[in-house]
Amino acid sequence: MKRRLIWLAELLGIAALLAGCATHNNTIIKAPRTNVDRQLPPGHWGLRKLSPSQYPNMESAFLHKKGLITAIDRSIQYMRTPTSRLFFPDGPITHRQELNTLYDFRTMLRTVPTAAQFQKNIVQRYDVYTAKGYDTRGDVWFTGYYTPILYGSLTKTLQYRYPVYKRPLDLVSNPITGQTLGQKLPNGTIRPYPSRAKILKQHLLRGRELVWFSNPLDAYVAEIQGSAKVILTNGQVMTIGYAGDNGRTYHGLGIALMKAGKISARKLSLPAIEAYFQIHPRQVENIIMHNKFMAFLKVYNPAHWPLGSLGVKVTAHRTLATDKTIEAPPYQSIFPRAAITYVTAQMPDTSGNIQPFKGFLLDQDTGGAIRAAGRADIYMGIGPEAQTQAGYEYSKGRLYYLFLKPALTPLGGATTQPASVPPGNSGSPGNTPAPPSGGVSMQQMFPGAR
C-alpha cells in the first residue's frame, strides 16, 4: 500500500521510543534499548545461513494454513513477471530458485500428511536463513499495518474540507524501483520535490484533489497507511492506494506529540492521537503540516486492491513488509522479494490481547521509512479489528527465510504447475501472464503500492 507506505509504528512514532514501553491490556511491551532501524553497510545482505541443527521447529505453523496458499499464489504471480527478474541479480538466491521454492512449498502444504513429515522435508530439502536483525544476533522488531475504512466526499463541502492528492504530473520516479527522483522543471532539469508545507501553502496541487475528508487526521492516516477504503457521501465505496511521494524524510506524528509533551510515551497509540485530535484539532493539524513528507494516492480497482510493493494483493496475516531499499543496479535488496518467511513473535488478537505467534508469511511489501535488517511489518487486514491488531503489534521475535536447496532446483521450468494458470500460459517462468485488469504497472508504483 504505498509501496507500502509508513509503518503504523512510524505514524505513532513508537519506533523512536526505543528505551520506552507501551501498555496493551495491562501487558507491558518493552521496546529494545538499541536502534532497531540500524542500517546495514551498503551492499550487505540481511540474511545469514543456518545449519540444519539450527532450524526452528515449524510443525505448529504447518497446521495453520488459512490464507497461506492464496498468499503463495500471489508471490508466484509476481515472480512470473519480467520485472521480478531485475531484483534477483547474481547473488545468494537466484530467481529460478525463488520461484521453484514457492511451487515446491505449495505442493508440500497440499500433499505432506503430517507436521512431523513436513518438518523432516524442510530439513532435508531446504536451506533456512535467519535475518541478521537489529543487533546482528537475529532479533527483529515486528510492528503492524492495516487498511482503514474512512468516510469522504468527491467534492469539497463545509464538512469535507481536507483532501488527499493525486500524483503530481511533474513528479519523476525511477521506472524500475519507483524511488522518487524529484520535480521535473519545464527546462527538463530535476530538483527535489517541494515539502508538504510548500505544496499546501502555495496550492501547488490545486485541482489534483482525489477525495476529501472531514478532518486532517483521516486524510493523513489514508496517506500514511498507503491505502484506504472510503465510503462516499452517496454510499458508494472508493478504494485508494499509493501513487508516489515527494521523497522527503518522514517524521512520526506520535513522536512529535510526545516531544511536545502532549501525549506520554506509555499512552502513545493511534486511539490516543485520535482522542487528542478531537480536543486539540489545530495543534495536530500544525504538527502534520511540519512533516515534510507527503504521499499521493490514486483509485484502485477493488478486485486487485489493496496492493503491496510487488504489484499483487496483500493477504491479512500472511503478508510481510520489509526493507526494499534499492539505490542503483544491481537491484538487490537486503531481503529477497516474494520469499516464504517463518516468523516467531507475539501477535495481538482482535481485542488487543497478546498471544504467541508462529507462522509462515510472504515477503510481499515494503516499509516506507525503514532501511534495516531488524524491522518487519505484518499486514493485519482491513477495518477496525485490523487497526486494533496493527496498533498493538510491537513485538521482538525472529524472522527466517526458506529456500529450496539449489541442487533441487531444475535448470528450467518449475517443479510444480501453478494452482491457477491464466489461459494460454503454462507454469513455465518464461510464460508471463499479463498484469491483472485494473492493476498497477511497475512504473506507476514503488514498484507496487509499496
Protein backbone atom coordinates (compact mmCIF):
# COMPACT_ATOMS: atom_id res chain seq x y z
CA MET A 1 0.00 0.00 0.00
CA LYS A 2 2.13 2.84 -0.67
CA ARG A 3 4.93 0.86 -1.77
CA ARG A 4 3.72 0.09 1.29
CA LEU A 5 3.94 3.44 2.94
CA ILE A 6 4.87 4.02 6.53
CA TRP A 7 4.74 1.50 9.33
CA LEU A 8 1.96 2.25 11.82
CA ALA A 9 4.76 2.49 14.37
CA GLU A 10 6.23 5.40 12.41
CA LEU A 11 2.83 7.07 12.28
CA LEU A 12 2.78 6.91 16.06
CA GLY A 13 6.49 7.49 16.48
CA ILE A 14 6.78 4.44 18.73
CA ALA A 15 9.77 3.11 16.82
CA ALA A 16 11.73 6.08 18.06
CA LEU A 17 10.90 5.48 21.71
CA LEU A 18 13.48 2.73 21.88
CA ALA A 19 14.03 2.95 25.62
CA GLY A 20 10.32 3.25 26.38
CA CYS A 21 7.43 0.83 26.54
CA ALA A 22 3.79 0.52 25.60
CA THR A 23 0.96 -0.97 27.62
CA HIS A 24 -1.70 -3.16 26.00
CA ASN A 25 -4.45 -4.69 28.15
CA ASN A 26 -2.16 -4.41 31.19
CA THR A 27 0.64 -6.18 29.32
CA ILE A 28 3.80 -4.07 29.16
CA ILE A 29 5.61 -4.40 25.83
CA LYS A 30 9.16 -3.13 26.20
CA ALA A 31 10.91 -1.75 23.17
CA PRO A 32 14.57 -2.67 22.72
CA ARG A 33 17.16 -0.22 24.02
CA THR A 34 19.07 -0.26 20.77
CA ASN A 35 18.50 1.18 17.33
CA VAL A 36 16.06 -1.20 15.65
CA ASP A 37 16.45 0.87 12.48
CA ARG A 38 20.20 0.26 12.34
CA GLN A 39 21.19 0.11 8.71
CA LEU A 40 23.47 -2.49 7.20
CA PRO A 41 26.54 -1.25 5.33
CA PRO A 42 25.99 -0.71 1.59
CA GLY A 43 25.90 -3.95 -0.37
CA HIS A 44 25.36 -6.18 2.68
CA TRP A 45 22.70 -8.88 2.62
CA GLY A 46 20.26 -9.09 5.51
CA LEU A 47 20.35 -12.88 5.98
CA ARG A 48 22.69 -15.46 7.50
CA LYS A 49 22.52 -19.15 6.56
CA LEU A 50 21.82 -21.67 9.33
CA SER A 51 22.98 -25.23 9.75
CA PRO A 52 20.16 -27.84 9.86
CA SER A 53 20.67 -28.24 13.61
CA GLN A 54 19.73 -24.56 13.99
CA TYR A 55 16.47 -24.77 12.06
CA PRO A 56 13.41 -23.79 14.13
CA ASN A 57 10.61 -26.32 14.55
CA MET A 58 7.84 -25.26 12.16
CA GLU A 59 5.35 -28.06 12.82
CA SER A 60 2.72 -25.86 14.50
CA ALA A 61 2.83 -23.39 11.61
CA PHE A 62 2.15 -26.24 9.16
CA LEU A 63 -1.13 -26.94 10.95
CA HIS A 64 -2.45 -23.40 10.39
CA LYS A 65 -2.76 -22.79 6.64
CA LYS A 66 -5.61 -20.28 6.32
CA GLY A 67 -4.76 -17.80 3.57
CA LEU A 68 -1.28 -19.25 3.08
CA ILE A 69 -1.73 -20.87 -0.33
CA THR A 70 -3.50 -17.73 -1.56
CA ALA A 71 -0.52 -15.64 -0.48
CA ILE A 72 1.91 -18.08 -2.12
CA ASP A 73 -0.04 -17.90 -5.39
CA ARG A 74 0.27 -14.12 -5.28
CA SER A 75 4.04 -14.36 -4.86
CA ILE A 76 4.13 -16.74 -7.82
CA GLN A 77 2.12 -14.21 -9.83
CA TYR A 78 4.80 -11.62 -9.14
CA MET A 79 7.70 -13.97 -9.81
CA ARG A 80 6.27 -14.78 -13.24
CA THR A 81 6.57 -11.15 -14.36
CA PRO A 82 9.62 -9.97 -16.31
CA THR A 83 10.23 -7.16 -13.82
CA SER A 84 10.79 -9.62 -10.98
CA ARG A 85 13.95 -10.89 -12.65
CA LEU A 86 15.59 -7.48 -12.25
CA PHE A 87 15.58 -7.91 -8.46
CA PHE A 88 17.41 -11.23 -8.46
CA PRO A 89 20.85 -10.44 -9.84
CA ASP A 90 23.69 -12.88 -9.38
CA GLY A 91 23.72 -13.50 -5.66
CA PRO A 92 22.94 -15.95 -2.90
CA ILE A 93 19.41 -16.68 -4.16
CA THR A 94 18.50 -16.87 -7.85
CA HIS A 95 15.20 -16.03 -9.47
CA ARG A 96 14.70 -19.65 -10.55
CA GLN A 97 15.44 -20.90 -7.04
CA GLU A 98 12.92 -18.49 -5.51
CA LEU A 99 10.18 -19.41 -7.98
CA ASN A 100 10.72 -23.14 -7.55
CA THR A 101 10.71 -22.70 -3.78
CA LEU A 102 7.22 -21.25 -3.99
CA TYR A 103 5.97 -24.11 -6.18
CA ASP A 104 7.58 -26.78 -4.04
CA PHE A 105 6.39 -25.33 -0.75
CA ARG A 106 2.83 -25.05 -2.01
CA THR A 107 2.94 -28.69 -3.10
CA MET A 108 4.16 -29.75 0.35
CA LEU A 109 1.30 -27.89 2.02
CA ARG A 110 -1.16 -29.86 -0.11
CA THR A 111 0.44 -33.29 -0.05
CA VAL A 112 2.53 -33.83 3.08
CA PRO A 113 0.31 -35.79 5.52
CA THR A 114 1.76 -34.79 8.90
CA ALA A 115 3.51 -31.86 10.55
CA ALA A 116 6.40 -34.13 11.55
CA GLN A 117 6.95 -35.20 7.94
CA PHE A 118 6.75 -31.59 6.84
CA GLN A 119 9.49 -30.61 9.29
CA LYS A 120 11.60 -33.52 8.08
CA ASN A 121 11.18 -32.36 4.48
CA ILE A 122 12.26 -28.85 5.43
CA VAL A 123 15.46 -30.15 7.00
CA GLN A 124 16.24 -32.40 4.04
CA ARG A 125 15.19 -30.17 1.14
CA TYR A 126 15.51 -26.56 2.25
CA ASP A 127 18.13 -24.01 3.18
CA VAL A 128 16.98 -21.81 6.04
CA TYR A 129 18.35 -18.33 6.68
CA THR A 130 17.82 -16.05 9.66
CA ALA A 131 17.54 -12.29 9.46
CA LYS A 132 20.62 -10.69 11.00
CA GLY A 133 18.32 -8.41 12.96
CA TYR A 134 18.93 -5.02 14.50
CA ASP A 135 21.60 -6.44 16.83
CA THR A 136 23.28 -8.91 14.40
CA ARG A 137 22.05 -11.71 16.72
CA GLY A 138 18.80 -12.26 14.87
CA ASP A 139 16.40 -10.12 16.89
CA VAL A 140 13.75 -8.45 14.74
CA TRP A 141 11.22 -5.86 15.88
CA PHE A 142 7.75 -6.52 14.45
CA THR A 143 5.05 -3.91 14.00
CA GLY A 144 1.72 -3.98 12.16
CA TYR A 145 -0.14 -2.10 9.46
CA TYR A 146 -3.67 -2.15 8.12
CA THR A 147 -6.13 -0.59 5.68
CA PRO A 148 -8.52 1.91 7.30
CA ILE A 149 -12.19 2.38 6.44
CA LEU A 150 -12.95 6.10 6.25
CA TYR A 151 -15.72 8.46 5.12
CA GLY A 152 -15.16 11.01 2.39
CA SER A 153 -16.54 13.08 -0.46
CA LEU A 154 -15.58 13.54 -4.10
CA THR A 155 -16.30 17.25 -3.78
CA LYS A 156 -15.31 19.84 -1.21
CA THR A 157 -18.11 20.77 1.19
CA LEU A 158 -18.39 22.54 4.53
CA GLN A 159 -17.97 19.15 6.22
CA TYR A 160 -15.38 17.60 3.89
CA ARG A 161 -12.54 20.08 3.56
CA TYR A 162 -9.31 18.06 3.81
CA PRO A 163 -8.09 16.33 0.65
CA VAL A 164 -5.56 13.74 -0.33
CA TYR A 165 -3.97 14.39 -3.69
CA LYS A 166 -3.37 12.58 -6.95
CA ARG A 167 0.18 12.07 -8.15
CA PRO A 168 1.61 15.37 -9.46
CA LEU A 169 2.21 15.48 -13.20
CA ASP A 170 5.75 16.81 -12.66
CA LEU A 171 6.82 14.10 -10.18
CA VAL A 172 9.61 11.90 -11.56
CA SER A 173 10.43 8.42 -10.22
CA ASN A 174 12.88 5.68 -11.10
CA PRO A 175 10.90 3.45 -13.51
CA ILE A 176 12.41 0.28 -12.01
CA THR A 177 12.49 0.91 -8.28
CA GLY A 178 9.91 3.68 -8.01
CA GLN A 179 12.31 5.80 -5.95
CA THR A 180 11.37 9.48 -6.11
CA LEU A 181 13.85 11.44 -8.19
CA GLY A 182 12.26 14.86 -7.83
CA GLN A 183 10.33 17.54 -9.69
CA LYS A 184 10.84 17.92 -13.43
CA LEU A 185 11.04 21.59 -14.40
CA PRO A 186 9.95 22.98 -17.80
CA ASN A 187 13.59 23.17 -18.90
CA GLY A 188 14.00 19.44 -18.23
CA THR A 189 16.12 19.66 -15.09
CA ILE A 190 15.10 17.79 -11.94
CA ARG A 191 15.17 19.27 -8.47
CA PRO A 192 13.99 17.96 -5.06
CA TYR A 193 10.21 17.90 -4.85
CA PRO A 194 8.67 20.61 -2.61
CA SER A 195 7.85 19.86 1.02
CA ARG A 196 4.34 19.30 2.36
CA ALA A 197 4.13 22.84 3.71
CA LYS A 198 5.17 24.40 0.41
CA ILE A 199 2.78 22.20 -1.57
CA LEU A 200 -0.17 23.10 0.64
CA LYS A 201 0.58 26.76 1.39
CA GLN A 202 1.27 27.59 -2.25
CA HIS A 203 -1.62 25.42 -3.50
CA LEU A 204 0.72 23.64 -5.93
CA LEU A 205 -1.68 20.74 -6.39
CA ARG A 206 -4.93 22.66 -6.66
CA GLY A 207 -7.18 20.69 -8.99
CA ARG A 208 -5.39 17.41 -8.20
CA GLU A 209 -7.56 16.56 -5.16
CA LEU A 210 -8.59 12.88 -5.19
CA VAL A 211 -11.07 12.72 -2.31
CA TRP A 212 -11.97 14.98 0.63
CA PHE A 213 -12.20 14.02 4.32
CA SER A 214 -13.91 15.67 7.28
CA ASN A 215 -10.72 16.12 9.29
CA PRO A 216 -7.00 16.31 8.54
CA LEU A 217 -6.18 13.23 10.63
CA ASP A 218 -8.33 10.96 8.43
CA ALA A 219 -6.62 12.34 5.33
CA TYR A 220 -3.23 11.84 6.97
CA VAL A 221 -3.96 8.25 8.01
CA ALA A 222 -5.13 7.37 4.49
CA GLU A 223 -1.97 8.93 3.07
CA ILE A 224 0.49 7.39 5.51
CA GLN A 225 -1.03 3.89 5.65
CA GLY A 226 -0.88 3.91 1.88
CA SER A 227 -4.38 2.57 1.24
CA ALA A 228 -7.93 3.15 2.40
CA LYS A 229 -11.48 2.10 1.73
CA VAL A 230 -13.50 5.30 1.51
CA ILE A 231 -17.28 5.31 1.94
CA LEU A 232 -18.53 8.27 -0.09
CA THR A 233 -21.48 10.52 0.67
CA ASN A 234 -23.59 8.72 -1.96
CA GLY A 235 -22.93 5.36 -0.29
CA GLN A 236 -20.53 4.13 -2.94
CA VAL A 237 -17.15 2.70 -1.93
CA MET A 238 -13.85 4.01 -3.29
CA THR A 239 -10.62 2.06 -2.88
CA ILE A 240 -7.48 4.18 -2.98
CA GLY A 241 -3.78 3.50 -2.62
CA TYR A 242 -0.26 4.77 -3.08
CA ALA A 243 0.79 6.55 -6.27
CA GLY A 244 4.09 8.15 -5.26
CA ASP A 245 5.58 10.58 -2.74
CA ASN A 246 7.66 13.73 -2.62
CA GLY A 247 10.79 11.90 -1.49
CA ARG A 248 11.18 13.88 1.73
CA THR A 249 12.11 12.35 5.10
CA TYR A 250 9.14 11.19 7.14
CA HIS A 251 8.67 12.25 10.78
CA GLY A 252 6.20 10.44 13.03
CA LEU A 253 3.15 12.32 14.26
CA GLY A 254 3.13 10.44 17.55
CA ILE A 255 6.73 11.20 18.46
CA ALA A 256 6.14 14.87 17.65
CA LEU A 257 3.17 14.96 20.05
CA MET A 258 5.20 13.15 22.69
CA LYS A 259 8.17 15.52 22.37
CA ALA A 260 5.77 18.43 22.71
CA GLY A 261 4.51 16.93 25.97
CA LYS A 262 1.02 16.34 24.59
CA ILE A 263 0.93 12.52 24.96
CA SER A 264 3.05 10.41 27.30
CA ALA A 265 5.22 7.62 25.93
CA ARG A 266 3.30 4.99 27.90
CA LYS A 267 -0.03 6.05 26.41
CA LEU A 268 1.08 6.65 22.85
CA SER A 269 -1.22 4.91 20.37
CA LEU A 270 -3.38 5.75 17.38
CA PRO A 271 -6.53 5.97 19.58
CA ALA A 272 -4.63 8.35 21.89
CA ILE A 273 -3.69 10.52 18.93
CA GLU A 274 -7.29 10.48 17.70
CA ALA A 275 -8.58 11.42 21.16
CA TYR A 276 -6.08 14.27 21.43
CA PHE A 277 -7.06 15.48 17.98
CA GLN A 278 -10.73 15.67 18.99
CA ILE A 279 -9.79 18.09 21.77
CA HIS A 280 -6.96 19.96 20.02
CA PRO A 281 -7.52 19.72 16.25
CA ARG A 282 -5.44 22.78 15.39
CA GLN A 283 -2.36 21.51 17.24
CA VAL A 284 -2.42 18.17 15.42
CA GLU A 285 -3.02 19.91 12.10
CA ASN A 286 0.01 22.16 12.68
CA ILE A 287 2.22 19.18 13.51
CA ILE A 288 1.08 17.36 10.36
CA MET A 289 1.93 20.46 8.34
CA HIS A 290 5.51 20.39 9.66
CA ASN A 291 6.09 16.87 8.33
CA LYS A 292 7.92 17.48 5.05
CA PHE A 293 6.97 14.05 3.70
CA MET A 294 3.83 13.77 1.59
CA ALA A 295 2.33 10.82 -0.28
CA PHE A 296 -0.01 10.85 -3.26
CA LEU A 297 -2.85 8.43 -3.93
CA LYS A 298 -4.93 7.04 -6.77
CA VAL A 299 -8.08 4.98 -7.30
CA TYR A 300 -7.53 1.21 -7.45
CA ASN A 301 -9.74 -1.48 -8.89
CA PRO A 302 -11.25 -3.18 -5.80
CA ALA A 303 -10.71 -6.59 -7.38
CA HIS A 304 -6.94 -6.01 -7.23
CA TRP A 305 -6.71 -4.00 -4.01
CA PRO A 306 -5.02 -3.49 -1.63
CA LEU A 307 -1.71 -4.00 -3.37
CA GLY A 308 1.76 -4.41 -1.94
CA SER A 309 5.01 -3.29 -3.47
CA LEU A 310 5.16 -6.36 -5.72
CA GLY A 311 2.01 -5.28 -7.53
CA VAL A 312 -0.07 -8.15 -6.12
CA LYS A 313 -2.73 -8.13 -3.42
CA VAL A 314 -1.60 -8.38 0.17
CA THR A 315 -3.13 -11.06 2.41
CA ALA A 316 -4.18 -10.45 6.00
CA HIS A 317 -1.78 -12.14 8.48
CA ARG A 318 0.18 -13.61 5.55
CA THR A 319 1.92 -10.57 4.02
CA LEU A 320 5.13 -9.20 5.49
CA ALA A 321 6.67 -5.82 4.69
CA THR A 322 10.45 -5.47 4.94
CA ASP A 323 13.21 -3.28 3.59
CA LYS A 324 13.19 -2.98 -0.19
CA THR A 325 15.59 -0.06 -0.45
CA ILE A 326 17.39 -0.03 -3.78
CA GLU A 327 19.93 2.64 -4.55
CA ALA A 328 21.14 1.58 -8.00
CA PRO A 329 21.74 -1.53 -10.13
CA PRO A 330 22.11 -4.35 -9.36
CA TYR A 331 18.61 -4.16 -7.87
CA GLN A 332 19.15 -6.46 -4.91
CA SER A 333 17.61 -5.50 -1.58
CA ILE A 334 18.73 -6.87 1.77
CA PHE A 335 15.71 -9.22 1.83
CA PRO A 336 14.55 -11.22 -1.23
CA ARG A 337 11.17 -10.31 -2.65
CA ALA A 338 8.17 -12.69 -2.65
CA ALA A 339 10.01 -15.16 -0.40
CA ILE A 340 8.48 -17.53 2.14
CA THR A 341 9.29 -16.50 5.68
CA TYR A 342 8.74 -18.10 9.06
CA VAL A 343 8.02 -15.70 11.93
CA THR A 344 8.11 -16.29 15.68
CA ALA A 345 6.81 -13.31 17.65
CA GLN A 346 3.86 -12.08 19.68
CA MET A 347 0.63 -11.06 17.96
CA PRO A 348 -2.50 -9.40 19.36
CA ASP A 349 -5.96 -10.79 18.73
CA THR A 350 -8.81 -8.53 17.62
CA SER A 351 -9.29 -7.37 21.22
CA GLY A 352 -5.64 -6.46 21.65
CA ASN A 353 -4.75 -9.46 23.84
CA ILE A 354 -1.18 -10.54 23.15
CA GLN A 355 -0.63 -14.16 22.09
CA PRO A 356 2.43 -16.15 20.93
CA PHE A 357 2.61 -16.43 17.14
CA LYS A 358 4.42 -18.87 14.86
CA GLY A 359 3.53 -18.78 11.20
CA PHE A 360 4.51 -18.55 7.55
CA LEU A 361 4.26 -15.19 5.79
CA LEU A 362 5.26 -13.98 2.32
CA ASP A 363 7.62 -11.03 1.91
CA GLN A 364 5.38 -9.04 -0.44
CA ASP A 365 5.51 -5.44 0.69
CA THR A 366 7.78 -2.59 1.69
CA GLY A 367 8.13 -0.47 4.82
CA GLY A 368 8.38 3.13 3.76
CA ALA A 369 10.66 4.54 6.45
CA ILE A 370 12.97 1.60 7.08
CA ARG A 371 16.30 0.58 5.53
CA ALA A 372 17.24 -2.02 8.09
CA ALA A 373 17.52 -5.75 8.71
CA GLY A 374 15.90 -5.55 12.14
CA ARG A 375 12.40 -4.42 11.22
CA ALA A 376 9.38 -6.14 9.70
CA ASP A 377 5.72 -5.21 9.45
CA ILE A 378 2.77 -7.62 9.40
CA TYR A 379 -0.32 -6.75 7.37
CA MET A 380 -3.39 -7.20 9.59
CA GLY A 381 -6.21 -6.57 7.11
CA ILE A 382 -8.99 -4.04 6.58
CA GLY A 383 -11.08 -2.13 9.10
CA PRO A 384 -11.35 -1.55 12.87
CA GLU A 385 -10.32 -5.03 14.05
CA ALA A 386 -7.26 -4.92 11.82
CA GLN A 387 -6.50 -1.45 13.21
CA THR A 388 -6.60 -2.85 16.75
CA GLN A 389 -4.19 -5.62 15.84
CA ALA A 390 -1.89 -3.28 13.95
CA GLY A 391 -1.91 -0.76 16.77
CA TYR A 392 -0.94 -3.37 19.36
CA GLU A 393 1.70 -5.19 17.32
CA TYR A 394 5.03 -4.27 18.97
CA SER A 395 7.00 -7.46 19.43
CA LYS A 396 10.55 -8.73 19.39
CA GLY A 397 10.88 -12.01 17.51
CA ARG A 398 12.79 -13.93 14.87
CA LEU A 399 12.49 -13.89 11.10
CA TYR A 400 13.57 -16.81 8.88
CA TYR A 401 13.61 -17.25 5.09
CA LEU A 402 13.19 -20.63 3.39
CA PHE A 403 14.67 -21.62 0.02
CA LEU A 404 14.70 -24.91 -1.84
CA LYS A 405 18.25 -26.24 -1.99
CA PRO A 406 19.98 -25.26 -5.26
CA ALA A 407 20.61 -28.93 -6.12
CA LEU A 408 16.83 -29.49 -6.12
CA THR A 409 16.12 -26.50 -8.37
CA PRO A 410 15.62 -27.61 -12.01
CA LEU A 411 17.66 -25.84 -14.63
CA GLY A 412 14.49 -24.88 -16.49
CA GLY A 413 10.80 -24.54 -15.83
CA ALA A 414 9.23 -25.13 -12.45
CA THR A 415 8.85 -28.12 -10.18
CA THR A 416 5.10 -27.75 -9.96
CA GLN A 417 2.44 -26.09 -12.09
CA PRO A 418 0.77 -23.04 -10.58
CA ALA A 419 -2.59 -23.68 -8.96
CA SER A 420 -4.29 -21.28 -11.34
CA VAL A 421 -2.60 -20.63 -14.65
CA PRO A 422 -4.10 -17.93 -16.88
CA PRO A 423 -5.39 -19.21 -20.24
CA GLY A 424 -2.65 -19.61 -22.80
CA ASN A 425 0.14 -19.74 -20.22
CA SER A 426 1.97 -22.76 -18.88
CA GLY A 427 3.63 -22.97 -15.50
CA SER A 428 6.99 -22.12 -17.01
CA PRO A 429 8.53 -18.88 -15.72
CA GLY A 430 9.12 -17.91 -19.34
CA ASN A 431 5.39 -17.50 -19.98
CA THR A 432 4.32 -14.48 -18.02
CA PRO A 433 0.62 -13.60 -17.65
CA ALA A 434 -0.46 -10.07 -18.45
CA PRO A 435 -0.96 -7.72 -15.48
CA PRO A 436 -4.42 -8.09 -13.96
CA SER A 437 -7.11 -5.81 -15.36
CA GLY A 438 -7.14 -2.58 -13.40
CA GLY A 439 -3.87 -3.41 -11.73
CA VAL A 440 -0.90 -1.11 -11.40
CA SER A 441 2.17 -1.33 -13.59
CA MET A 442 5.61 -1.41 -12.02
CA GLN A 443 6.33 2.04 -13.45
CA GLN A 444 3.39 3.57 -11.59
CA MET A 445 4.37 2.49 -8.09
CA PHE A 446 7.43 1.84 -5.98
CA PRO A 447 7.12 -0.58 -7.75
CA GLY A 448 3.67 -1.51 -6.47
CA ALA A 449 1.69 0.20 -3.83
CA ARG A 450 4.70 -0.32 -1.57
